[in-house]
Amino acid sequence: MAYAIAYDLKAAPIEEYESLYAAIRAYGTFAHVLNSLWFIQTTENAVTIRGELLQHLKSSDRLIVFGITGESAWNDLVPKVSDWLKTNFN
């Protein structure tokens, strides 16, 4: 299933979040769509993904994980992300 992961990171510096980015990349099939938005493909559920990613966040950060189904449309994304979307959503 495809999931979207979005967050608001409150702590600085942003480099402190490299473990979060590594955890998202570890799902294997991912696209870093916008600054704070990723799409992944996994067999895990949203609750499990949230639990795994919370380990890499500060208490003041916000996180949402939700399943993606149905049609999609986008504009002006980098070619690598656009290609990923075409492969995984259309």
PDB file of N, CA and C in Angstrom:
ATOM      1  N   MET A   1       0.846  -1.179   0.000  1.00  0.00           N
ATOM      2  CA  MET A   1       0.000   0.000   0.000  1.00  0.00           C
ATOM      3  C   MET A   1       0.889   1.239   0.000  1.00  0.00           C
ATOM      4  N   ALA A   2       0.389   2.296  -0.582  1.00  0.00           N
ATOM      5  CA  ALA A   2       1.110   3.563  -0.610  1.00  0.00           C
ATOM      6  C   ALA A   2       0.662   4.434   0.562  1.00  0.00           C
ATOM      7  N   TYR A   3       1.624   5.127   1.158  1.00  0.00           N
ATOM      8  CA  TYR A   3       1.340   6.026   2.278  1.00  0.00           C
ATOM      9  C   TYR A   3       2.015   7.368   2.044  1.00  0.00           C
ATOM     10  N   ALA A   4       1.404   8.402   2.557  1.00  0.00           N
ATOM     11  CA  ALA A   4       2.012   9.727   2.599  1.00  0.00           C
ATOM     12  C   ALA A   4       2.463   9.972   4.034  1.00  0.00           C
ATOM     13  N   ILE A   5       3.637  10.547   4.168  1.00  0.00           N
ATOM     14  CA  ILE A   5       4.189  10.924   5.465  1.00  0.00           C
ATOM     15  C   ILE A   5       4.466  12.418   5.400  1.00  0.00           C
ATOM     16  N   ALA A   6       3.878  13.164   6.326  1.00  0.00           N
ATOM     17  CA  ALA A   6       4.099  14.607   6.377  1.00  0.00           C
ATOM     18  C   ALA A   6       4.413  14.995   7.816  1.00  0.00           C
ATOM     19  N   TYR A   7       5.203  16.053   7.971  1.00  0.00           N
ATOM     20  CA  TYR A   7       5.615  16.448   9.317  1.00  0.00           C
ATOM     21  C   TYR A   7       5.907  17.931   9.390  1.00  0.00           C
ATOM     22  N   ASP A   8       5.851  18.441  10.619  1.00  0.00           N
ATOM     23  CA  ASP A   8       6.349  19.767  10.983  1.00  0.00           C
ATOM     24  C   ASP A   8       7.439  19.523  12.015  1.00  0.00           C
ATOM     25  N   LEU A   9       8.658  19.901  11.690  1.00  0.00           N
ATOM     26  CA  LEU A   9       9.793  19.702  12.586  1.00  0.00           C
ATOM     27  C   LEU A   9      10.077  21.024  13.293  1.00  0.00           C
ATOM     28  N   LYS A  10       9.991  21.027  14.601  1.00  0.00           N
ATOM     29  CA  LYS A  10      10.116  22.259  15.375  1.00  0.00           C
ATOM     30  C   LYS A  10      11.531  22.515  15.867  1.00  0.00           C
ATOM     31  N   ALA A  11      12.305  21.478  16.055  1.00  0.00           N
ATOM     32  CA  ALA A  11      13.653  21.639  16.612  1.00  0.00           C
ATOM     33  C   ALA A  11      14.645  21.996  15.514  1.00  0.00           C
ATOM     34  N   ALA A  12      15.707  22.611  15.900  1.00  0.00           N
ATOM     35  CA  ALA A  12      16.790  22.945  14.960  1.00  0.00           C
ATOM     36  C   ALA A  12      18.088  22.431  15.567  1.00  0.00           C
ATOM     37  N   PRO A  13      19.104  22.171  14.847  1.00  0.00           N
ATOM     38  CA  PRO A  13      19.198  22.275  13.393  1.00  0.00           C
ATOM     39  C   PRO A  13      18.547  21.086  12.709  1.00  0.00           C
ATOM     40  N   ILE A  14      18.232  21.277  11.464  1.00  0.00           N
ATOM     41  CA  ILE A  14      17.537  20.260  10.683  1.00  0.00           C
ATOM     42  C   ILE A  14      18.374  18.985  10.540  1.00  0.00           C
ATOM     43  N   GLU A  15      19.682  19.107  10.646  1.00  0.00           N
ATOM     44  CA  GLU A  15      20.558  17.937  10.539  1.00  0.00           C
ATOM     45  C   GLU A  15      20.265  16.905  11.618  1.00  0.00           C
ATOM     46  N   GLU A  16      19.645  17.335  12.721  1.00  0.00           N
ATOM     47  CA  GLU A  16      19.308  16.403  13.799  1.00  0.00           C
ATOM     48  C   GLU A  16      18.280  15.369  13.356  1.00  0.00           C
ATOM     49  N   TYR A  17      17.666  15.576  12.216  1.00  0.00           N
ATOM     50  CA  TYR A  17      16.622  14.687  11.742  1.00  0.00           C
ATOM     51  C   TYR A  17      17.095  13.685  10.706  1.00  0.00           C
ATOM     52  N   GLU A  18      18.380  13.550  10.525  1.00  0.00           N
ATOM     53  CA  GLU A  18      18.882  12.600   9.536  1.00  0.00           C
ATOM     54  C   GLU A  18      18.405  11.178   9.839  1.00  0.00           C
ATOM     55  N   SER A  19      18.239  10.827  11.103  1.00  0.00           N
ATOM     56  CA  SER A  19      17.747   9.483  11.426  1.00  0.00           C
ATOM     57  C   SER A  19      16.298   9.299  10.975  1.00  0.00           C
ATOM     58  N   LEU A  20      15.502  10.365  10.993  1.00  0.00           N
ATOM     59  CA  LEU A  20      14.132  10.297  10.473  1.00  0.00           C
ATOM     60  C   LEU A  20      14.155  10.029   8.981  1.00  0.00           C
ATOM     61  N   TYR A  21      14.958  10.782   8.259  1.00  0.00           N
ATOM     62  CA  TYR A  21      15.041  10.609   6.811  1.00  0.00           C
ATOM     63  C   TYR A  21      15.545   9.208   6.465  1.00  0.00           C
ATOM     64  N   ALA A  22      16.512   8.723   7.213  1.00  0.00           N
ATOM     65  CA  ALA A  22      17.030   7.366   6.978  1.00  0.00           C
ATOM     66  C   ALA A  22      15.948   6.321   7.242  1.00  0.00           C
ATOM     67  N   ALA A  23      15.136   6.535   8.277  1.00  0.00           N
ATOM     68  CA  ALA A  23      14.060   5.589   8.587  1.00  0.00           C
ATOM     69  C   ALA A  23      13.023   5.561   7.467  1.00  0.00           C
ATOM     70  N   ILE A  24      12.726   6.714   6.893  1.00  0.00           N
ATOM     71  CA  ILE A  24      11.774   6.754   5.777  1.00  0.00           C
ATOM     72  C   ILE A  24      12.374   6.068   4.554  1.00  0.00           C
ATOM     73  N   ARG A  25      13.628   6.371   4.267  1.00  0.00           N
ATOM     74  CA  ARG A  25      14.289   5.733   3.116  1.00  0.00           C
ATOM     75  C   ARG A  25      14.374   4.217   3.278  1.00  0.00           C
ATOM     76  N   ALA A  26      14.420   3.743   4.505  1.00  0.00           N
ATOM     77  CA  ALA A  26      14.561   2.309   4.778  1.00  0.00           C
ATOM     78  C   ALA A  26      13.354   1.503   4.295  1.00  0.00           C
ATOM     79  N   TYR A  27      12.236   2.153   4.035  1.00  0.00           N
ATOM     80  CA  TYR A  27      11.095   1.425   3.482  1.00  0.00           C
ATOM     81  C   TYR A  27      11.380   0.942   2.067  1.00  0.00           C
ATOM     82  N   GLY A  28      12.429   1.489   1.451  1.00  0.00           N
ATOM     83  CA  GLY A  28      12.891   0.982   0.161  1.00  0.00           C
ATOM     84  C   GLY A  28      12.283   1.667  -1.046  1.00  0.00           C
ATOM     85  N   THR A  29      10.977   1.736  -1.112  1.00  0.00           N
ATOM     86  CA  THR A  29      10.301   2.388  -2.224  1.00  0.00           C
ATOM     87  C   THR A  29       9.726   3.690  -1.705  1.00  0.00           C
ATOM     88  N   PHE A  30      10.382   4.794  -2.036  1.00  0.00           N
ATOM     89  CA  PHE A  30       9.976   6.091  -1.484  1.00  0.00           C
ATOM     90  C   PHE A  30      10.202   7.197  -2.500  1.00  0.00           C
ATOM     91  N   ALA A  31       9.518   8.312  -2.274  1.00  0.00           N
ATOM     92  CA  ALA A  31       9.748   9.539  -3.025  1.00  0.00           C
ATOM     93  C   ALA A  31       9.681  10.694  -2.038  1.00  0.00           C
ATOM     94  N   HIS A  32      10.687  11.550  -2.056  1.00  0.00           N
ATOM     95  CA  HIS A  32      10.686  12.767  -1.244  1.00  0.00           C
ATOM     96  C   HIS A  32      10.050  13.848  -2.111  1.00  0.00           C
ATOM     97  N   VAL A  33       8.752  14.030  -1.954  1.00  0.00           N
ATOM     98  CA  VAL A  33       7.936  14.818  -2.871  1.00  0.00           C
ATOM     99  C   VAL A  33       8.115  16.320  -2.665  1.00  0.00           C
ATOM    100  N   LEU A  34       7.959  16.773  -1.444  1.00  0.00           N
ATOM    101  CA  LEU A  34       8.132  18.172  -1.068  1.00  0.00           C
ATOM    102  C   LEU A  34       8.972  18.212   0.204  1.00  0.00           C
ATOM    103  N   ASN A  35       9.335  19.393   0.666  1.00  0.00           N
ATOM    104  CA  ASN A  35      10.231  19.503   1.829  1.00  0.00           C
ATOM    105  C   ASN A  35       9.823  18.618   2.999  1.00  0.00           C
ATOM    106  N   SER A  36       8.557  18.607   3.336  1.00  0.00           N
ATOM    107  CA  SER A  36       8.123  17.819   4.490  1.00  0.00           C
ATOM    108  C   SER A  36       7.072  16.773   4.112  1.00  0.00           C
ATOM    109  N   LEU A  37       7.153  16.266   2.886  1.00  0.00           N
ATOM    110  CA  LEU A  37       6.209  15.255   2.416  1.00  0.00           C
ATOM    111  C   LEU A  37       6.941  14.151   1.665  1.00  0.00           C
ATOM    112  N   TRP A  38       6.708  12.925   2.093  1.00  0.00           N
ATOM    113  CA  TRP A  38       7.267  11.739   1.451  1.00  0.00           C
ATOM    114  C   TRP A  38       6.130  10.805   1.103  1.00  0.00           C
ATOM    115  N   PHE A  39       6.316   9.999   0.073  1.00  0.00           N
ATOM    116  CA  PHE A  39       5.432   8.884  -0.239  1.00  0.00           C
ATOM    117  C   PHE A  39       6.261   7.618  -0.139  1.00  0.00           C
ATOM    118  N   ILE A  40       5.661   6.568   0.409  1.00  0.00           N
ATOM    119  CA  ILE A  40       6.339   5.278   0.504  1.00  0.00           C
ATOM    120  C   ILE A  40       5.385   4.177   0.065  1.00  0.00           C
ATOM    121  N   GLN A  41       5.947   3.028  -0.269  1.00  0.00           N
ATOM    122  CA  GLN A  41       5.198   1.795  -0.508  1.00  0.00           C
ATOM    123  C   GLN A  41       5.675   0.799   0.546  1.00  0.00           C
ATOM    124  N   THR A  42       4.736   0.164   1.241  1.00  0.00           N
ATOM    125  CA  THR A  42       5.099  -0.815   2.258  1.00  0.00           C
ATOM    126  C   THR A  42       3.900  -1.713   2.547  1.00  0.00           C
ATOM    127  N   THR A  43       4.168  -2.852   3.154  1.00  0.00           N
ATOM    128  CA  THR A  43       3.092  -3.740   3.596  1.00  0.00           C
ATOM    129  C   THR A  43       2.675  -3.433   5.033  1.00  0.00           C
ATOM    130  N   GLU A  44       3.401  -2.550   5.701  1.00  0.00           N
ATOM    131  CA  GLU A  44       3.052  -2.174   7.074  1.00  0.00           C
ATOM    132  C   GLU A  44       1.837  -1.253   7.074  1.00  0.00           C
ATOM    133  N   ASN A  45       1.197  -1.095   8.248  1.00  0.00           N
ATOM    134  CA  ASN A  45       0.047  -0.209   8.334  1.00  0.00           C
ATOM    135  C   ASN A  45       0.455   1.157   8.892  1.00  0.00           C
ATOM    136  N   ALA A  46      -0.447   2.116   8.823  1.00  0.00           N
ATOM    137  CA  ALA A  46      -0.144   3.497   9.218  1.00  0.00           C
ATOM    138  C   ALA A  46       0.263   3.604  10.688  1.00  0.00           C
ATOM    139  N   VAL A  47      -0.381   2.854  11.557  1.00  0.00           N
ATOM    140  CA  VAL A  47      -0.053   2.905  12.984  1.00  0.00           C
ATOM    141  C   VAL A  47       1.372   2.422  13.230  1.00  0.00           C
ATOM    142  N   THR A  48       1.764   1.351  12.560  1.00  0.00           N
ATOM    143  CA  THR A  48       3.122   0.826  12.705  1.00  0.00           C
ATOM    144  C   THR A  48       4.145   1.816  12.163  1.00  0.00           C
ATOM    145  N   ILE A  49       3.872   2.398  11.003  1.00  0.00           N
ATOM    146  CA  ILE A  49       4.784   3.387  10.419  1.00  0.00           C
ATOM    147  C   ILE A  49       4.941   4.569  11.361  1.00  0.00           C
ATOM    148  N   ARG A  50       3.826   5.070  11.875  1.00  0.00           N
ATOM    149  CA  ARG A  50       3.877   6.190  12.816  1.00  0.00           C
ATOM    150  C   ARG A  50       4.752   5.847  14.018  1.00  0.00           C
ATOM    151  N   GLY A  51       4.555   4.678  14.584  1.00  0.00           N
ATOM    152  CA  GLY A  51       5.338   4.274  15.747  1.00  0.00           C
ATOM    153  C   GLY A  51       6.824   4.208  15.451  1.00  0.00           C
ATOM    154  N   GLU A  52       7.165   3.688  14.292  1.00  0.00           N
ATOM    155  CA  GLU A  52       8.581   3.602  13.906  1.00  0.00           C
ATOM    156  C   GLU A  52       9.191   4.987  13.716  1.00  0.00           C
ATOM    157  N   LEU A  53       8.441   5.913  13.114  1.00  0.00           N
ATOM    158  CA  LEU A  53       8.986   7.241  12.842  1.00  0.00           C
ATOM    159  C   LEU A  53       9.007   8.140  14.070  1.00  0.00           C
ATOM    160  N   LEU A  54       8.082   7.940  15.011  1.00  0.00           N
ATOM    161  CA  LEU A  54       8.062   8.755  16.221  1.00  0.00           C
ATOM    162  C   LEU A  54       9.362   8.650  17.013  1.00  0.00           C
ATOM    163  N   GLN A  55      10.047   7.540  16.878  1.00  0.00           N
ATOM    164  CA  GLN A  55      11.315   7.346  17.583  1.00  0.00           C
ATOM    165  C   GLN A  55      12.371   8.359  17.149  1.00  0.00           C
ATOM    166  N   HIS A  56      12.160   8.993  16.003  1.00  0.00           N
ATOM    167  CA  HIS A  56      13.149   9.909  15.427  1.00  0.00           C
ATOM    168  C   HIS A  56      12.730  11.377  15.529  1.00  0.00           C
ATOM    169  N   LEU A  57      11.634  11.643  16.252  1.00  0.00           N
ATOM    170  CA  LEU A  57      11.117  13.005  16.369  1.00  0.00           C
ATOM    171  C   LEU A  57      11.278  13.549  17.775  1.00  0.00           C
ATOM    172  N   LYS A  58      11.256  14.855  17.892  1.00  0.00           N
ATOM    173  CA  LYS A  58      11.257  15.541  19.189  1.00  0.00           C
ATOM    174  C   LYS A  58       9.809  15.662  19.662  1.00  0.00           C
ATOM    175  N   SER A  59       9.612  15.928  20.941  1.00  0.00           N
ATOM    176  CA  SER A  59       8.250  15.980  21.495  1.00  0.00           C
ATOM    177  C   SER A  59       7.404  17.102  20.895  1.00  0.00           C
ATOM    178  N   SER A  60       8.022  18.157  20.388  1.00  0.00           N
ATOM    179  CA  SER A  60       7.265  19.272  19.820  1.00  0.00           C
ATOM    180  C   SER A  60       6.961  19.107  18.325  1.00  0.00           C
ATOM    181  N   ASP A  61       7.464  18.034  17.704  1.00  0.00           N
ATOM    182  CA  ASP A  61       7.244  17.807  16.279  1.00  0.00           C
ATOM    183  C   ASP A  61       5.862  17.215  16.024  1.00  0.00           C
ATOM    184  N   ARG A  62       5.394  17.389  14.800  1.00  0.00           N
ATOM    185  CA  ARG A  62       4.103  16.830  14.392  1.00  0.00           C
ATOM    186  C   ARG A  62       4.318  15.864  13.239  1.00  0.00           C
ATOM    187  N   LEU A  63       3.468  14.828  13.188  1.00  0.00           N
ATOM    188  CA  LEU A  63       3.609  13.790  12.169  1.00  0.00           C
ATOM    189  C   LEU A  63       2.234  13.280  11.774  1.00  0.00           C
ATOM    190  N   ILE A  64       2.043  13.022  10.488  1.00  0.00           N
ATOM    191  CA  ILE A  64       0.836  12.346  10.012  1.00  0.00           C
ATOM    192  C   ILE A  64       1.244  11.319   8.963  1.00  0.00           C
ATOM    193  N   VAL A  65       0.615  10.156   9.042  1.00  0.00           N
ATOM    194  CA  VAL A  65       0.822   9.076   8.078  1.00  0.00           C
ATOM    195  C   VAL A  65      -0.567   8.657   7.608  1.00  0.00           C
ATOM    196  N   PHE A  66      -0.789   8.678   6.293  1.00  0.00           N
ATOM    197  CA  PHE A  66      -2.096   8.254   5.808  1.00  0.00           C
ATOM    198  C   PHE A  66      -1.963   7.499   4.504  1.00  0.00           C
ATOM    199  N   GLY A  67      -2.857   6.535   4.329  1.00  0.00           N
ATOM    200  CA  GLY A  67      -2.865   5.718   3.119  1.00  0.00           C
ATOM    201  C   GLY A  67      -3.352   6.517   1.927  1.00  0.00           C
ATOM    202  N   ILE A  68      -2.785   6.190   0.766  1.00  0.00           N
ATOM    203  CA  ILE A  68      -3.139   6.876  -0.470  1.00  0.00           C
ATOM    204  C   ILE A  68      -3.805   5.876  -1.407  1.00  0.00           C
ATOM    205  N   THR A  69      -4.980   6.219  -1.869  1.00  0.00           N
ATOM    206  CA  THR A  69      -5.679   5.395  -2.848  1.00  0.00           C
ATOM    207  C   THR A  69      -6.308   6.308  -3.889  1.00  0.00           C
ATOM    208  N   GLY A  70      -6.661   5.749  -4.998  1.00  0.00           N
ATOM    209  CA  GLY A  70      -7.364   6.526  -6.007  1.00  0.00           C
ATOM    210  C   GLY A  70      -6.454   7.255  -6.961  1.00  0.00           C
ATOM    211  N   GLU A  71      -7.052   8.187  -7.672  1.00  0.00           N
ATOM    212  CA  GLU A  71      -6.323   8.907  -8.699  1.00  0.00           C
ATOM    213  C   GLU A  71      -5.449   9.998  -8.104  1.00  0.00           C
ATOM    214  N   SER A  72      -4.528  10.503  -8.912  1.00  0.00           N
ATOM    215  CA  SER A  72      -3.639  11.567  -8.447  1.00  0.00           C
ATOM    216  C   SER A  72      -3.328  12.509  -9.601  1.00  0.00           C
ATOM    217  N   ALA A  73      -2.920  13.717  -9.260  1.00  0.00           N
ATOM    218  CA  ALA A  73      -2.496  14.704 -10.248  1.00  0.00           C
ATOM    219  C   ALA A  73      -1.468  15.604  -9.576  1.00  0.00           C
ATOM    220  N   TRP A  74      -0.536  16.120 -10.365  1.00  0.00           N
ATOM    221  CA  TRP A  74       0.498  16.982  -9.808  1.00  0.00           C
ATOM    222  C   TRP A  74       1.019  17.926 -10.875  1.00  0.00           C
ATOM    223  N   ASN A  75       1.811  18.889 -10.416  1.00  0.00           N
ATOM    224  CA  ASN A  75       2.364  19.879 -11.330  1.00  0.00           C
ATOM    225  C   ASN A  75       3.761  20.278 -10.877  1.00  0.00           C
ATOM    226  N   ASP A  76       4.659  20.388 -11.826  1.00  0.00           N
ATOM    227  CA  ASP A  76       5.981  20.975 -11.631  1.00  0.00           C
ATOM    228  C   ASP A  76       6.811  20.309 -10.535  1.00  0.00           C
ATOM    229  N   LEU A  77       6.743  18.986 -10.460  1.00  0.00           N
ATOM    230  CA  LEU A  77       7.620  18.265  -9.546  1.00  0.00           C
ATOM    231  C   LEU A  77       8.891  17.901 -10.299  1.00  0.00           C
ATOM    232  N   VAL A  78       9.954  17.673  -9.546  1.00  0.00           N
ATOM    233  CA  VAL A  78      11.198  17.284 -10.211  1.00  0.00           C
ATOM    234  C   VAL A  78      10.967  15.968 -10.956  1.00  0.00           C
ATOM    235  N   PRO A  79      11.646  15.756 -12.084  1.00  0.00           N
ATOM    236  CA  PRO A  79      11.388  14.560 -12.907  1.00  0.00           C
ATOM    237  C   PRO A  79      11.498  13.245 -12.140  1.00  0.00           C
ATOM    238  N   LYS A  80      12.458  13.139 -11.235  1.00  0.00           N
ATOM    239  CA  LYS A  80      12.634  11.898 -10.477  1.00  0.00           C
ATOM    240  C   LYS A  80      11.373  11.579  -9.660  1.00  0.00           C
ATOM    241  N   VAL A  81      10.805  12.584  -9.012  1.00  0.00           N
ATOM    242  CA  VAL A  81       9.591  12.387  -8.212  1.00  0.00           C
ATOM    243  C   VAL A  81       8.398  12.110  -9.121  1.00  0.00           C
ATOM    244  N   SER A  82       8.283  12.849 -10.205  1.00  0.00           N
ATOM    245  CA  SER A  82       7.189  12.632 -11.151  1.00  0.00           C
ATOM    246  C   SER A  82       7.228  11.209 -11.700  1.00  0.00           C
ATOM    247  N   ASP A  83       8.405  10.726 -12.046  1.00  0.00           N
ATOM    248  CA  ASP A  83       8.549   9.350 -12.536  1.00  0.00           C
ATOM    249  C   ASP A  83       8.131   8.342 -11.480  1.00  0.00           C
ATOM    250  N   TRP A  84       8.520   8.589 -10.216  1.00  0.00           N
ATOM    251  CA  TRP A  84       8.149   7.698  -9.116  1.00  0.00           C
ATOM    252  C   TRP A  84       6.635   7.646  -8.985  1.00  0.00           C
ATOM    253  N   LEU A  85       5.992   8.795  -9.045  1.00  0.00           N
ATOM    254  CA  LEU A  85       4.537   8.854  -8.935  1.00  0.00           C
ATOM    255  C   LEU A  85       3.866   8.098 -10.078  1.00  0.00           C
ATOM    256  N   LYS A  86       4.361   8.286 -11.288  1.00  0.00           N
ATOM    257  CA  LYS A  86       3.793   7.584 -12.441  1.00  0.00           C
ATOM    258  C   LYS A  86       3.914   6.071 -12.269  1.00  0.00           C
ATOM    259  N   THR A  87       5.035   5.624 -11.750  1.00  0.00           N
ATOM    260  CA  THR A  87       5.266   4.191 -11.561  1.00  0.00           C
ATOM    261  C   THR A  87       4.417   3.617 -10.444  1.00  0.00           C
ATOM    262  N   ASN A  88       4.251   4.358  -9.358  1.00  0.00           N
ATOM    263  CA  ASN A  88       3.610   3.809  -8.158  1.00  0.00           C
ATOM    264  C   ASN A  88       2.152   4.188  -7.965  1.00  0.00           C
ATOM    265  N   PHE A  89       1.631   5.174  -8.722  1.00  0.00           N
ATOM    266  CA  PHE A  89       0.247   5.589  -8.519  1.00  0.00           C
ATOM    267  C   PHE A  89      -0.613   5.540  -9.758  1.00  0.00           C
ATOM    268  N   ASN A  90      -0.072   5.504 -10.930  1.00  0.00           N
ATOM    269  CA  ASN A  90      -0.906   5.501 -12.138  1.00  0.00           C
ATOM    270  C   ASN A  90      -0.804   4.177 -12.861  1.00  0.00           C
TER     271      ASN A  90
END
